[in-house]
Structures are given as C-alpha cells and as structure tokens.
C-alpha cells in the first residue's frame, strides 16, 4: 500500500516508522485503497454577523446531538474569542478615524 502526502507524492512512511517498517493497522485502509483526506470548508468569520451565525450553528448542532456538548462549548468559547478580537479591531479603527477627524486642521469655510 502507498500513502500519499498533501501534494500527491508518495510518502515513505515505512522508513520513518519505528516498528520495523510496518504500517500500523489504524493507518491501513479497510479495502486496500489509498486514503485521501479532504480539507474542511472554510468557515465564514469575516464580520460580527457571520460569527453570530456560526455560534448559532454550533448551538443548533449541540441541541440536535450532532456534536457533543463539551466540544460545542469549546467551539463557542473560541468563536467568542474571535468575536471579541473582531470587536476590538473595529472599535480601534473607529477610534482612530475619530481621532484623525478631530485633529484635522479646519478647512476653508468651516468653524471649530
């Protein structure tokens, strides 16, 4: 059996394994075919609304039993950290814009 890396090149698993070159049973495919891993789709986390939708999705998956509540709690915790980081970045950008607006020299025809 030949295992392939993510570039499609044959991996030399047997030479690097410590058990004398044998592939462990858990790595052996059940029917002798080559195992290929497909990457998970990216999760949309571009704004607060997308993060909220993902939190809702995690909640619904927990309620439906598709993911364990312990795992769902971890996912929700990480999503909340991402939300806080997003919120901090947005507030910092808005504050910087306000500070630049306040410190601008007056333009012709305006009062300060």
Protein backbone atom coordinates (compact mmCIF):
# COMPACT_ATOMS: atom_id res chain seq x y z
CA UNK A 1 0.00 0.00 0.00
CA UNK A 2 1.22 3.51 -0.78
CA UNK A 3 0.31 6.57 1.27
CA UNK A 4 0.35 9.99 -0.34
CA UNK A 5 1.08 13.41 1.19
CA UNK A 6 -0.99 16.54 0.54
CA UNK A 7 0.90 17.24 -2.72
CA UNK A 8 0.03 13.81 -4.14
CA UNK A 9 3.59 12.50 -3.79
CA UNK A 10 4.17 9.04 -2.39
CA UNK A 11 5.17 9.24 1.27
CA UNK A 12 7.87 6.94 2.58
CA UNK A 13 6.01 6.07 5.76
CA UNK A 14 7.63 2.68 6.30
CA UNK A 15 11.19 4.03 6.53
CA UNK A 16 10.28 6.58 9.18
CA UNK A 17 8.19 4.30 11.38
CA UNK A 18 9.83 2.88 14.48
CA UNK A 19 8.19 -0.56 14.33
CA UNK A 20 10.50 -2.03 11.70
CA UNK A 21 8.79 -0.57 8.66
CA UNK A 22 5.28 -1.91 9.25
CA UNK A 23 2.32 0.37 8.82
CA UNK A 24 0.14 0.45 11.95
CA UNK A 25 -3.32 -1.12 11.49
CA UNK A 26 -5.12 2.15 12.17
CA UNK A 27 -3.42 3.68 9.10
CA UNK A 28 -4.29 0.76 6.84
CA UNK A 29 -7.43 1.42 4.75
CA UNK A 30 -10.10 -1.28 5.13
CA UNK A 31 -10.20 -2.28 1.45
CA UNK A 32 -6.58 -1.63 0.39
CA UNK A 33 -7.33 1.65 -1.40
CA UNK A 34 -5.34 4.83 -0.86
CA UNK A 35 -6.73 7.09 1.84
CA UNK A 36 -7.15 10.73 0.85
CA UNK A 37 -8.07 13.48 3.25
CA UNK A 38 -10.23 16.31 2.03
CA UNK A 39 -9.82 19.70 3.71
CA UNK A 40 -12.75 21.07 5.67
CA UNK A 41 -14.55 24.01 4.10
CA UNK A 42 -13.58 27.42 5.44
CA UNK A 43 -15.97 28.96 7.94
CA UNK A 44 -17.09 32.50 7.19
CA UNK A 45 -15.89 34.66 10.09
CA UNK A 46 -15.49 37.97 8.26
CA UNK A 47 -17.76 40.08 10.46
CA UNK A 48 -19.81 40.02 13.65
CA UNK A 49 -22.92 38.77 11.82
CA UNK A 50 -21.03 35.79 10.37
CA UNK A 51 -19.56 34.95 13.78
CA UNK A 52 -23.05 35.14 15.31
CA UNK A 53 -24.39 32.80 12.60
CA UNK A 54 -21.60 30.31 13.30
CA UNK A 55 -22.35 30.46 17.05
CA UNK A 56 -25.98 29.73 16.21
CA UNK A 57 -24.93 26.81 14.04
CA UNK A 58 -22.81 25.36 16.86
CA UNK A 59 -25.75 25.75 19.25
CA UNK A 60 -28.15 24.01 16.85
CA UNK A 61 -25.63 21.19 16.31
CA UNK A 62 -25.32 20.73 20.08
CA UNK A 63 -29.12 20.70 20.52
CA UNK A 64 -29.52 18.15 17.71
CA UNK A 65 -26.75 15.94 19.13
CA UNK A 66 -24.55 16.27 16.03
CA UNK A 67 -21.68 17.46 18.22
CA UNK A 68 -21.02 16.70 21.87
CA UNK A 69 -21.91 19.48 24.26
CA UNK A 70 -18.33 19.56 25.59
CA UNK A 71 -16.97 20.08 22.06
CA UNK A 72 -19.67 22.63 21.27
CA UNK A 73 -18.78 24.58 24.39
CA UNK A 74 -15.16 24.70 23.27
CA UNK A 75 -16.17 25.84 19.77
CA UNK A 76 -18.41 28.53 21.24
CA UNK A 77 -15.59 29.72 23.53
CA UNK A 78 -13.18 30.08 20.59
CA UNK A 79 -15.85 31.81 18.49
CA UNK A 80 -16.44 34.24 21.35
CA UNK A 81 -12.70 34.98 21.49
CA UNK A 82 -12.76 35.64 17.74
CA UNK A 83 -15.80 37.91 18.19
CA UNK A 84 -14.02 39.88 20.91
CA UNK A 85 -10.91 40.26 18.75
CA UNK A 86 -13.06 41.43 15.82
CA UNK A 87 -14.94 43.85 18.05
CA UNK A 88 -11.66 45.25 19.44
CA UNK A 89 -10.26 45.76 15.94
CA UNK A 90 -13.41 47.52 14.73
CA UNK A 91 -13.52 49.79 17.76
CA UNK A 92 -9.81 50.63 17.39
CA UNK A 93 -10.35 51.52 13.73
CA UNK A 94 -13.34 53.71 14.56
CA UNK A 95 -11.46 55.43 17.39
CA UNK A 96 -8.52 56.13 15.10
CA UNK A 97 -10.87 57.62 12.50
CA UNK A 98 -12.49 59.84 15.14
CA UNK A 99 -9.12 60.99 16.42
CA UNK A 100 -7.95 61.84 12.91
CA UNK A 101 -11.20 63.70 12.24
CA UNK A 102 -10.91 65.77 15.41
CA UNK A 103 -7.26 66.66 14.84
CA UNK A 104 -7.73 67.77 11.22
CA UNK A 105 -6.93 71.44 10.56
CA UNK A 106 -10.06 73.44 9.76
CA UNK A 107 -10.90 73.62 6.10
CA UNK A 108 -11.90 76.82 4.32
CA UNK A 109 -15.38 77.97 5.33
CA UNK A 110 -15.75 75.84 8.48
CA UNK A 111 -15.53 76.78 12.14
CA UNK A 112 -14.04 74.90 15.01
